[in-house]
Amino acid sequence: MKFYSELLDKMFDSEAACIEAECDAKKKENDKIKFEQEKAAAKKALEAEVENLTKKTIEYFNKYEKNWAPFAKSILTQDLGQKERRVERKIVNEADFTKLLESFLK
């Protein structure tokens, strides 16, 4: 006799195999959820530490390295999480666009 698992949408040769597979699937799902929760907590803690360190570094430069303070602040406060850098170029008129396309075709 075959046993069907609605949870897994799969057939098994025995009831024990079906139950074991469902338990394994549930455990994997729980482990994944736990991992994602731990990851989110670790990321939040890391971001807090980075923010704190950035603040202390800027305070140091403002107090002891005043000549470098604006440069340090601009470097430390820029968004480093940017995935890609987009470069946009506005085309003034259609003639410029046509010239650009023609240059590629030659």
PDB file of N, CA and C in Angstrom:
ATOM      1  N   MET A   1       0.834  -1.180   0.000  1.00  0.00           N
ATOM      2  CA  MET A   1       0.000   0.000   0.000  1.00  0.00           C
ATOM      3  C   MET A   1       0.884   1.250   0.000  1.00  0.00           C
ATOM      4  N   LYS A   2       0.511   2.242  -0.757  1.00  0.00           N
ATOM      5  CA  LYS A   2       1.250   3.499  -0.852  1.00  0.00           C
ATOM      6  C   LYS A   2       0.607   4.530   0.076  1.00  0.00           C
ATOM      7  N   PHE A   3       1.455   5.430   0.590  1.00  0.00           N
ATOM      8  CA  PHE A   3       0.970   6.501   1.461  1.00  0.00           C
ATOM      9  C   PHE A   3       1.328   7.837   0.826  1.00  0.00           C
ATOM     10  N   TYR A   4       0.357   8.738   0.838  1.00  0.00           N
ATOM     11  CA  TYR A   4       0.513  10.043   0.200  1.00  0.00           C
ATOM     12  C   TYR A   4       0.671  11.114   1.274  1.00  0.00           C
ATOM     13  N   SER A   5       1.648  11.971   1.073  1.00  0.00           N
ATOM     14  CA  SER A   5       1.863  13.105   1.972  1.00  0.00           C
ATOM     15  C   SER A   5       1.340  14.366   1.294  1.00  0.00           C
ATOM     16  N   GLU A   6       0.295  14.929   1.871  1.00  0.00           N
ATOM     17  CA  GLU A   6      -0.238  16.187   1.337  1.00  0.00           C
ATOM     18  C   GLU A   6       0.752  17.324   1.558  1.00  0.00           C
ATOM     19  N   LEU A   7       1.473  17.243   2.654  1.00  0.00           N
ATOM     20  CA  LEU A   7       2.460  18.270   2.979  1.00  0.00           C
ATOM     21  C   LEU A   7       3.568  18.335   1.932  1.00  0.00           C
ATOM     22  N   LEU A   8       4.022  17.164   1.493  1.00  0.00           N
ATOM     23  CA  LEU A   8       5.128  17.089   0.539  1.00  0.00           C
ATOM     24  C   LEU A   8       4.672  16.839  -0.895  1.00  0.00           C
ATOM     25  N   ASP A   9       3.404  16.503  -1.066  1.00  0.00           N
ATOM     26  CA  ASP A   9       2.837  16.170  -2.372  1.00  0.00           C
ATOM     27  C   ASP A   9       3.664  15.057  -3.028  1.00  0.00           C
ATOM     28  N   LYS A  10       3.812  13.959  -2.253  1.00  0.00           N
ATOM     29  CA  LYS A  10       4.673  12.870  -2.695  1.00  0.00           C
ATOM     30  C   LYS A  10       4.135  11.554  -2.130  1.00  0.00           C
ATOM     31  N   MET A  11       4.400  10.463  -2.839  1.00  0.00           N
ATOM     32  CA  MET A  11       3.979   9.128  -2.407  1.00  0.00           C
ATOM     33  C   MET A  11       5.143   8.414  -1.713  1.00  0.00           C
ATOM     34  N   PHE A  12       4.797   7.572  -0.698  1.00  0.00           N
ATOM     35  CA  PHE A  12       5.796   6.800   0.041  1.00  0.00           C
ATOM     36  C   PHE A  12       5.339   5.350   0.133  1.00  0.00           C
ATOM     37  N   ASP A  13       6.309   4.448   0.297  1.00  0.00           N
ATOM     38  CA  ASP A  13       6.016   3.017   0.359  1.00  0.00           C
ATOM     39  C   ASP A  13       5.400   2.601   1.691  1.00  0.00           C
ATOM     40  N   SER A  14       5.732   3.320   2.765  1.00  0.00           N
ATOM     41  CA  SER A  14       5.192   2.954   4.073  1.00  0.00           C
ATOM     42  C   SER A  14       4.748   4.203   4.830  1.00  0.00           C
ATOM     43  N   GLU A  15       3.905   3.973   5.823  1.00  0.00           N
ATOM     44  CA  GLU A  15       3.421   5.083   6.648  1.00  0.00           C
ATOM     45  C   GLU A  15       4.580   5.694   7.433  1.00  0.00           C
ATOM     46  N   ALA A  16       5.474   4.846   7.909  1.00  0.00           N
ATOM     47  CA  ALA A  16       6.630   5.325   8.677  1.00  0.00           C
ATOM     48  C   ALA A  16       7.524   6.228   7.819  1.00  0.00           C
ATOM     49  N   ALA A  17       7.752   5.836   6.577  1.00  0.00           N
ATOM     50  CA  ALA A  17       8.578   6.648   5.679  1.00  0.00           C
ATOM     51  C   ALA A  17       7.912   7.986   5.401  1.00  0.00           C
ATOM     52  N   CYS A  18       6.598   7.967   5.267  1.00  0.00           N
ATOM     53  CA  CYS A  18       5.837   9.196   5.018  1.00  0.00           C
ATOM     54  C   CYS A  18       5.953  10.146   6.212  1.00  0.00           C
ATOM     55  N   ILE A  19       5.740   9.607   7.404  1.00  0.00           N
ATOM     56  CA  ILE A  19       5.810  10.430   8.620  1.00  0.00           C
ATOM     57  C   ILE A  19       7.221  10.959   8.831  1.00  0.00           C
ATOM     58  N   GLU A  20       8.214  10.117   8.612  1.00  0.00           N
ATOM     59  CA  GLU A  20       9.610  10.543   8.770  1.00  0.00           C
ATOM     60  C   GLU A  20       9.963  11.663   7.790  1.00  0.00           C
ATOM     61  N   ALA A  21       9.545  11.552   6.554  1.00  0.00           N
ATOM     62  CA  ALA A  21       9.818  12.585   5.550  1.00  0.00           C
ATOM     63  C   ALA A  21       9.132  13.898   5.912  1.00  0.00           C
ATOM     64  N   GLU A  22       7.888  13.816   6.402  1.00  0.00           N
ATOM     65  CA  GLU A  22       7.183  15.027   6.811  1.00  0.00           C
ATOM     66  C   GLU A  22       7.866  15.682   8.007  1.00  0.00           C
ATOM     67  N   CYS A  23       8.325  14.871   8.965  1.00  0.00           N
ATOM     68  CA  CYS A  23       9.038  15.407  10.132  1.00  0.00           C
ATOM     69  C   CYS A  23      10.354  16.066   9.715  1.00  0.00           C
ATOM     70  N   ASP A  24      11.076  15.428   8.815  1.00  0.00           N
ATOM     71  CA  ASP A  24      12.328  16.003   8.313  1.00  0.00           C
ATOM     72  C   ASP A  24      12.081  17.329   7.594  1.00  0.00           C
ATOM     73  N   ALA A  25      11.029  17.378   6.792  1.00  0.00           N
ATOM     74  CA  ALA A  25      10.701  18.608   6.066  1.00  0.00           C
ATOM     75  C   ALA A  25      10.343  19.727   7.037  1.00  0.00           C
ATOM     76  N   LYS A  26       9.576  19.397   8.076  1.00  0.00           N
ATOM     77  CA  LYS A  26       9.188  20.395   9.073  1.00  0.00           C
ATOM     78  C   LYS A  26      10.407  20.885   9.845  1.00  0.00           C
ATOM     79  N   LYS A  27      11.334  19.955  10.178  1.00  0.00           N
ATOM     80  CA  LYS A  27      12.551  20.341  10.895  1.00  0.00           C
ATOM     81  C   LYS A  27      13.403  21.271  10.035  1.00  0.00           C
ATOM     82  N   LYS A  28      13.539  20.955   8.756  1.00  0.00           N
ATOM     83  CA  LYS A  28      14.316  21.817   7.855  1.00  0.00           C
ATOM     84  C   LYS A  28      13.693  23.208   7.762  1.00  0.00           C
ATOM     85  N   GLU A  29      12.372  23.251   7.693  1.00  0.00           N
ATOM     86  CA  GLU A  29      11.666  24.535   7.624  1.00  0.00           C
ATOM     87  C   GLU A  29      11.902  25.342   8.899  1.00  0.00           C
ATOM     88  N   ASN A  30      11.813  24.674  10.056  1.00  0.00           N
ATOM     89  CA  ASN A  30      12.054  25.357  11.332  1.00  0.00           C
ATOM     90  C   ASN A  30      13.493  25.838  11.448  1.00  0.00           C
ATOM     91  N   ASP A  31      14.436  25.017  10.991  1.00  0.00           N
ATOM     92  CA  ASP A  31      15.848  25.405  11.017  1.00  0.00           C
ATOM     93  C   ASP A  31      16.088  26.634  10.137  1.00  0.00           C
ATOM     94  N   LYS A  32      15.440  26.668   8.993  1.00  0.00           N
ATOM     95  CA  LYS A  32      15.587  27.812   8.085  1.00  0.00           C
ATOM     96  C   LYS A  32      15.024  29.075   8.717  1.00  0.00           C
ATOM     97  N   ILE A  33      13.868  28.969   9.348  1.00  0.00           N
ATOM     98  CA  ILE A  33      13.262  30.128  10.012  1.00  0.00           C
ATOM     99  C   ILE A  33      14.161  30.625  11.135  1.00  0.00           C
ATOM    100  N   LYS A  34      14.682  29.684  11.925  1.00  0.00           N
ATOM    101  CA  LYS A  34      15.579  30.043  13.025  1.00  0.00           C
ATOM    102  C   LYS A  34      16.831  30.732  12.489  1.00  0.00           C
ATOM    103  N   PHE A  35      17.401  30.202  11.417  1.00  0.00           N
ATOM    104  CA  PHE A  35      18.589  30.803  10.808  1.00  0.00           C
ATOM    105  C   PHE A  35      18.305  32.233  10.345  1.00  0.00           C
ATOM    106  N   GLU A  36      17.168  32.437   9.691  1.00  0.00           N
ATOM    107  CA  GLU A  36      16.825  33.775   9.198  1.00  0.00           C
ATOM    108  C   GLU A  36      16.627  34.760  10.349  1.00  0.00           C
ATOM    109  N   GLN A  37      16.056  34.297  11.451  1.00  0.00           N
ATOM    110  CA  GLN A  37      15.876  35.153  12.622  1.00  0.00           C
ATOM    111  C   GLN A  37      17.226  35.519  13.236  1.00  0.00           C
ATOM    112  N   GLU A  38      18.122  34.534  13.353  1.00  0.00           N
ATOM    113  CA  GLU A  38      19.457  34.785  13.879  1.00  0.00           C
ATOM    114  C   GLU A  38      20.228  35.745  12.977  1.00  0.00           C
ATOM    115  N   LYS A  39      20.076  35.556  11.676  1.00  0.00           N
ATOM    116  CA  LYS A  39      20.762  36.419  10.707  1.00  0.00           C
ATOM    117  C   LYS A  39      20.284  37.854  10.834  1.00  0.00           C
ATOM    118  N   ALA A  40      18.974  38.047  10.950  1.00  0.00           N
ATOM    119  CA  ALA A  40      18.416  39.393  11.083  1.00  0.00           C
ATOM    120  C   ALA A  40      18.898  40.061  12.363  1.00  0.00           C
ATOM    121  N   ALA A  41      18.936  39.310  13.460  1.00  0.00           N
ATOM    122  CA  ALA A  41      19.407  39.865  14.733  1.00  0.00           C
ATOM    123  C   ALA A  41      20.890  40.230  14.659  1.00  0.00           C
ATOM    124  N   ALA A  42      21.688  39.362  14.041  1.00  0.00           N
ATOM    125  CA  ALA A  42      23.120  39.630  13.901  1.00  0.00           C
ATOM    126  C   ALA A  42      23.365  40.860  13.020  1.00  0.00           C
ATOM    127  N   LYS A  43      22.586  40.987  11.946  1.00  0.00           N
ATOM    128  CA  LYS A  43      22.738  42.147  11.058  1.00  0.00           C
ATOM    129  C   LYS A  43      22.390  43.432  11.786  1.00  0.00           C
ATOM    130  N   LYS A  44      21.321  43.396  12.566  1.00  0.00           N
ATOM    131  CA  LYS A  44      20.905  44.585  13.328  1.00  0.00           C
ATOM    132  C   LYS A  44      21.985  44.978  14.332  1.00  0.00           C
ATOM    133  N   ALA A  45      22.554  43.989  15.038  1.00  0.00           N
ATOM    134  CA  ALA A  45      23.615  44.265  16.005  1.00  0.00           C
ATOM    135  C   ALA A  45      24.860  44.816  15.314  1.00  0.00           C
ATOM    136  N   LEU A  46      25.201  44.246  14.167  1.00  0.00           N
ATOM    137  CA  LEU A  46      26.366  44.714  13.417  1.00  0.00           C
ATOM    138  C   LEU A  46      26.176  46.151  12.947  1.00  0.00           C
ATOM    139  N   GLU A  47      24.996  46.459  12.424  1.00  0.00           N
ATOM    140  CA  GLU A  47      24.722  47.818  11.964  1.00  0.00           C
ATOM    141  C   GLU A  47      24.811  48.813  13.112  1.00  0.00           C
ATOM    142  N   ALA A  48      24.351  48.419  14.302  1.00  0.00           N
ATOM    143  CA  ALA A  48      24.444  49.295  15.467  1.00  0.00           C
ATOM    144  C   ALA A  48      25.900  49.540  15.854  1.00  0.00           C
ATOM    145  N   GLU A  49      26.712  48.490  15.813  1.00  0.00           N
ATOM    146  CA  GLU A  49      28.138  48.631  16.123  1.00  0.00           C
ATOM    147  C   GLU A  49      28.849  49.519  15.104  1.00  0.00           C
ATOM    148  N   VAL A  50      28.535  49.327  13.838  1.00  0.00           N
ATOM    149  CA  VAL A  50      29.158  50.147  12.792  1.00  0.00           C
ATOM    150  C   VAL A  50      28.774  51.611  12.982  1.00  0.00           C
ATOM    151  N   GLU A  51      27.499  51.861  13.284  1.00  0.00           N
ATOM    152  CA  GLU A  51      27.047  53.236  13.506  1.00  0.00           C
ATOM    153  C   GLU A  51      27.757  53.853  14.698  1.00  0.00           C
ATOM    154  N   ASN A  52      27.903  53.093  15.770  1.00  0.00           N
ATOM    155  CA  ASN A  52      28.593  53.579  16.959  1.00  0.00           C
ATOM    156  C   ASN A  52      30.059  53.872  16.668  1.00  0.00           C
ATOM    157  N   LEU A  53      30.719  52.967  15.964  1.00  0.00           N
ATOM    158  CA  LEU A  53      32.125  53.165  15.613  1.00  0.00           C
ATOM    159  C   LEU A  53      32.305  54.367  14.688  1.00  0.00           C
ATOM    160  N   THR A  54      31.391  54.534  13.753  1.00  0.00           N
ATOM    161  CA  THR A  54      31.445  55.687  12.852  1.00  0.00           C
ATOM    162  C   THR A  54      31.331  56.982  13.645  1.00  0.00           C
ATOM    163  N   LYS A  55      30.399  57.011  14.582  1.00  0.00           N
ATOM    164  CA  LYS A  55      30.201  58.202  15.421  1.00  0.00           C
ATOM    165  C   LYS A  55      31.465  58.512  16.217  1.00  0.00           C
ATOM    166  N   LYS A  56      32.074  57.494  16.822  1.00  0.00           N
ATOM    167  CA  LYS A  56      33.292  57.703  17.609  1.00  0.00           C
ATOM    168  C   LYS A  56      34.454  58.162  16.732  1.00  0.00           C
ATOM    169  N   THR A  57      34.543  57.618  15.523  1.00  0.00           N
ATOM    170  CA  THR A  57      35.617  58.018  14.614  1.00  0.00           C
ATOM    171  C   THR A  57      35.466  59.477  14.202  1.00  0.00           C
ATOM    172  N   ILE A  58      34.249  59.874  13.895  1.00  0.00           N
ATOM    173  CA  ILE A  58      34.002  61.277  13.523  1.00  0.00           C
ATOM    174  C   ILE A  58      34.318  62.196  14.699  1.00  0.00           C
ATOM    175  N   GLU A  59      33.930  61.790  15.907  1.00  0.00           N
ATOM    176  CA  GLU A  59      34.249  62.589  17.097  1.00  0.00           C
ATOM    177  C   GLU A  59      35.757  62.735  17.269  1.00  0.00           C
ATOM    178  N   TYR A  60      36.499  61.653  17.032  1.00  0.00           N
ATOM    179  CA  TYR A  60      37.957  61.701  17.123  1.00  0.00           C
ATOM    180  C   TYR A  60      38.524  62.714  16.134  1.00  0.00           C
ATOM    181  N   PHE A  61      38.106  62.621  14.884  1.00  0.00           N
ATOM    182  CA  PHE A  61      38.622  63.547  13.873  1.00  0.00           C
ATOM    183  C   PHE A  61      38.232  64.982  14.187  1.00  0.00           C
ATOM    184  N   ASN A  62      37.028  65.205  14.677  1.00  0.00           N
ATOM    185  CA  ASN A  62      36.607  66.567  15.037  1.00  0.00           C
ATOM    186  C   ASN A  62      37.447  67.139  16.169  1.00  0.00           C
ATOM    187  N   LYS A  63      37.905  66.290  17.081  1.00  0.00           N
ATOM    188  CA  LYS A  63      38.668  66.759  18.237  1.00  0.00           C
ATOM    189  C   LYS A  63      40.172  66.818  17.969  1.00  0.00           C
ATOM    190  N   TYR A  64      40.722  65.782  17.323  1.00  0.00           N
ATOM    191  CA  TYR A  64      42.178  65.678  17.216  1.00  0.00           C
ATOM    192  C   TYR A  64      42.750  65.908  15.817  1.00  0.00           C
ATOM    193  N   GLU A  65      41.977  65.714  14.799  1.00  0.00           N
ATOM    194  CA  GLU A  65      42.456  65.852  13.422  1.00  0.00           C
ATOM    195  C   GLU A  65      41.526  66.775  12.653  1.00  0.00           C
ATOM    196  N   LYS A  66      41.423  68.012  13.100  1.00  0.00           N
ATOM    197  CA  LYS A  66      40.423  68.933  12.556  1.00  0.00           C
ATOM    198  C   LYS A  66      40.584  69.182  11.057  1.00  0.00           C
ATOM    199  N   ASN A  67      41.801  69.120  10.555  1.00  0.00           N
ATOM    200  CA  ASN A  67      42.006  69.334   9.120  1.00  0.00           C
ATOM    201  C   ASN A  67      41.379  68.216   8.288  1.00  0.00           C
ATOM    202  N   TRP A  68      41.349  67.018   8.843  1.00  0.00           N
ATOM    203  CA  TRP A  68      40.834  65.859   8.120  1.00  0.00           C
ATOM    204  C   TRP A  68      39.374  65.556   8.445  1.00  0.00           C
ATOM    205  N   ALA A  69      38.812  66.264   9.397  1.00  0.00           N
ATOM    206  CA  ALA A  69      37.452  65.971   9.860  1.00  0.00           C
ATOM    207  C   ALA A  69      36.403  65.997   8.747  1.00  0.00           C
ATOM    208  N   PRO A  70      36.364  67.023   7.888  1.00  0.00           N
ATOM    209  CA  PRO A  70      35.333  67.015   6.832  1.00  0.00           C
ATOM    210  C   PRO A  70      35.492  65.845   5.866  1.00  0.00           C
ATOM    211  N   PHE A  71      36.738  65.534   5.530  1.00  0.00           N
ATOM    212  CA  PHE A  71      36.996  64.418   4.622  1.00  0.00           C
ATOM    213  C   PHE A  71      36.576  63.096   5.266  1.00  0.00           C
ATOM    214  N   ALA A  72      36.954  62.899   6.513  1.00  0.00           N
ATOM    215  CA  ALA A  72      36.607  61.668   7.221  1.00  0.00           C
ATOM    216  C   ALA A  72      35.094  61.514   7.347  1.00  0.00           C
ATOM    217  N   LYS A  73      34.436  62.616   7.677  1.00  0.00           N
ATOM    218  CA  LYS A  73      32.973  62.561   7.826  1.00  0.00           C
ATOM    219  C   LYS A  73      32.303  62.206   6.504  1.00  0.00           C
ATOM    220  N   SER A  74      32.769  62.795   5.413  1.00  0.00           N
ATOM    221  CA  SER A  74      32.146  62.506   4.119  1.00  0.00           C
ATOM    222  C   SER A  74      32.356  61.052   3.706  1.00  0.00           C
ATOM    223  N   ILE A  75      33.537  60.509   4.014  1.00  0.00           N
ATOM    224  CA  ILE A  75      33.818  59.108   3.679  1.00  0.00           C
ATOM    225  C   ILE A  75      33.002  58.171   4.564  1.00  0.00           C
ATOM    226  N   LEU A  76      32.961  58.440   5.844  1.00  0.00           N
ATOM    227  CA  LEU A  76      32.306  57.532   6.789  1.00  0.00           C
ATOM    228  C   LEU A  76      30.785  57.568   6.718  1.00  0.00           C
ATOM    229  N   THR A  77      30.217  58.653   6.251  1.00  0.00           N
ATOM    230  CA  THR A  77      28.756  58.749   6.229  1.00  0.00           C
ATOM    231  C   THR A  77      28.146  58.433   4.874  1.00  0.00           C
ATOM    232  N   GLN A  78      28.950  58.098   3.884  1.00  0.00           N
ATOM    233  CA  GLN A  78      28.380  57.751   2.590  1.00  0.00           C
ATOM    234  C   GLN A  78      27.733  56.382   2.658  1.00  0.00           C
ATOM    235  N   ASP A  79      26.774  56.136   1.787  1.00  0.00           N
ATOM    236  CA  ASP A  79      26.038  54.878   1.775  1.00  0.00           C
ATOM    237  C   ASP A  79      26.876  53.809   1.086  1.00  0.00           C
ATOM    238  N   LEU A  80      27.435  52.892   1.893  1.00  0.00           N
ATOM    239  CA  LEU A  80      28.269  51.832   1.340  1.00  0.00           C
ATOM    240  C   LEU A  80      27.447  50.619   0.937  1.00  0.00           C
ATOM    241  N   GLY A  81      26.164  50.595   1.265  1.00  0.00           N
ATOM    242  CA  GLY A  81      25.322  49.465   0.928  1.00  0.00           C
ATOM    243  C   GLY A  81      24.761  49.534  -0.473  1.00  0.00           C
ATOM    244  N   GLN A  82      25.208  50.505  -1.254  1.00  0.00           N
ATOM    245  CA  GLN A  82      24.700  50.679  -2.609  1.00  0.00           C
ATOM    246  C   GLN A  82      25.163  49.511  -3.470  1.00  0.00           C
ATOM    247  N   LYS A  83      24.220  48.818  -4.073  1.00  0.00           N
ATOM    248  CA  LYS A  83      24.534  47.608  -4.845  1.00  0.00           C
ATOM    249  C   LYS A  83      25.172  47.943  -6.189  1.00  0.00           C
ATOM    250  N   GLU A  84      24.649  48.929  -6.849  1.00  0.00           N
ATOM    251  CA  GLU A  84      25.190  49.252  -8.162  1.00  0.00           C
ATOM    252  C   GLU A  84      25.233  50.760  -8.324  1.00  0.00           C
ATOM    253  N   ARG A  85      26.102  51.202  -9.121  1.00  0.00           N
ATOM    254  CA  ARG A  85      26.229  52.625  -9.356  1.00  0.00           C
ATOM    255  C   ARG A  85      25.669  52.920 -10.735  1.00  0.00           C
ATOM    256  N   ARG A  86      24.661  53.740 -10.753  1.00  0.00           N
ATOM    257  CA  ARG A  86      24.036  54.071 -12.026  1.00  0.00           C
ATOM    258  C   ARG A  86      24.594  55.391 -12.546  1.00  0.00           C
ATOM    259  N   VAL A  87      24.874  55.403 -13.803  1.00  0.00           N
ATOM    260  CA  VAL A  87      25.348  56.615 -14.446  1.00  0.00           C
ATOM    261  C   VAL A  87      24.289  57.020 -15.455  1.00  0.00           C
ATOM    262  N   GLU A  88      23.802  58.197 -15.280  1.00  0.00           N
ATOM    263  CA  GLU A  88      22.769  58.672 -16.193  1.00  0.00           C
ATOM    264  C   GLU A  88      23.317  59.842 -16.993  1.00  0.00           C
ATOM    265  N   ARG A  89      22.991  59.837 -18.245  1.00  0.00           N
ATOM    266  CA  ARG A  89      23.405  60.929 -19.112  1.00  0.00           C
ATOM    267  C   ARG A  89      22.171  61.388 -19.859  1.00  0.00           C
ATOM    268  N   LYS A  90      21.846  62.639 -19.662  1.00  0.00           N
ATOM    269  CA  LYS A  90      20.684  63.167 -20.356  1.00  0.00           C
ATOM    270  C   LYS A  90      21.092  63.577 -21.770  1.00  0.00           C
ATOM    271  N   ILE A  91      20.253  63.231 -22.696  1.00  0.00           N
ATOM    272  CA  ILE A  91      20.489  63.610 -24.078  1.00  0.00           C
ATOM    273  C   ILE A  91      19.705  64.888 -24.338  1.00  0.00           C
ATOM    274  N   VAL A  92      20.419  65.872 -24.847  1.00  0.00           N
ATOM    275  CA  VAL A  92      19.822  67.193 -24.995  1.00  0.00           C
ATOM    276  C   VAL A  92      18.702  67.189 -26.019  1.00  0.00           C
ATOM    277  N   ASN A  93      18.944  66.586 -27.152  1.00  0.00           N
ATOM    278  CA  ASN A  93      17.892  66.550 -28.169  1.00  0.00           C
ATOM    279  C   ASN A  93      17.985  65.254 -28.971  1.00  0.00           C
ATOM    280  N   GLU A  94      17.038  65.058 -29.824  1.00  0.00           N
ATOM    281  CA  GLU A  94      16.975  63.821 -30.600  1.00  0.00           C
ATOM    282  C   GLU A  94      18.137  63.694 -31.576  1.00  0.00           C
ATOM    283  N   ALA A  95      18.650  64.811 -32.084  1.00  0.00           N
ATOM    284  CA  ALA A  95      19.762  64.776 -33.035  1.00  0.00           C
ATOM    285  C   ALA A  95      21.007  64.177 -32.380  1.00  0.00           C
ATOM    286  N   ASP A  96      21.249  64.537 -31.111  1.00  0.00           N
ATOM    287  CA  ASP A  96      22.397  63.969 -30.398  1.00  0.00           C
ATOM    288  C   ASP A  96      22.240  62.459 -30.246  1.00  0.00           C
ATOM    289  N   PHE A  97      21.042  62.031 -29.948  1.00  0.00           N
ATOM    290  CA  PHE A  97      20.768  60.611 -29.789  1.00  0.00           C
ATOM    291  C   PHE A  97      20.988  59.878 -31.114  1.00  0.00           C
ATOM    292  N   THR A  98      20.527  60.464 -32.191  1.00  0.00           N
ATOM    293  CA  THR A  98      20.695  59.864 -33.514  1.00  0.00           C
ATOM    294  C   THR A  98      22.171  59.750 -33.868  1.00  0.00           C
ATOM    295  N   LYS A  99      22.958  60.784 -33.572  1.00  0.00           N
ATOM    296  CA  LYS A  99      24.394  60.750 -33.842  1.00  0.00           C
ATOM    297  C   LYS A  99      25.063  59.633 -33.025  1.00  0.00           C
ATOM    298  N   LEU A 100      24.641  59.490 -31.789  1.00  0.00           N
ATOM    299  CA  LEU A 100      25.210  58.462 -30.938  1.00  0.00           C
ATOM    300  C   LEU A 100      24.918  57.078 -31.509  1.00  0.00           C
ATOM    301  N   LEU A 101      23.679  56.850 -31.915  1.00  0.00           N
ATOM    302  CA  LEU A 101      23.325  55.561 -32.495  1.00  0.00           C
ATOM    303  C   LEU A 101      24.082  55.288 -33.787  1.00  0.00           C
ATOM    304  N   GLU A 102      24.194  56.295 -34.632  1.00  0.00           N
ATOM    305  CA  GLU A 102      24.911  56.133 -35.900  1.00  0.00           C
ATOM    306  C   GLU A 102      26.384  55.811 -35.661  1.00  0.00           C
ATOM    307  N   SER A 103      26.968  56.373 -34.589  1.00  0.00           N
ATOM    308  CA  SER A 103      28.368  56.101 -34.310  1.00  0.00           C
ATOM    309  C   SER A 103      28.593  54.628 -33.951  1.00  0.00           C
ATOM    310  N   PHE A 104      27.600  54.001 -33.349  1.00  0.00           N
ATOM    311  CA  PHE A 104      27.704  52.571 -33.023  1.00  0.00           C
ATOM    312  C   PHE A 104      27.544  51.706 -34.257  1.00  0.00           C
ATOM    313  N   LEU A 105      26.783  52.183 -35.214  1.00  0.00           N
ATOM    314  CA  LEU A 105      26.504  51.394 -36.406  1.00  0.00           C
ATOM    315  C   LEU A 105      27.638  51.437 -37.430  1.00  0.00           C
ATOM    316  N   LYS A 106      28.523  52.385 -37.310  1.00  0.00           N
ATOM    317  CA  LYS A 106      29.604  52.517 -38.287  1.00  0.00           C
ATOM    318  C   LYS A 106      30.724  51.560 -38.014  1.00  0.00           C
TER     319      LYS A 106
END
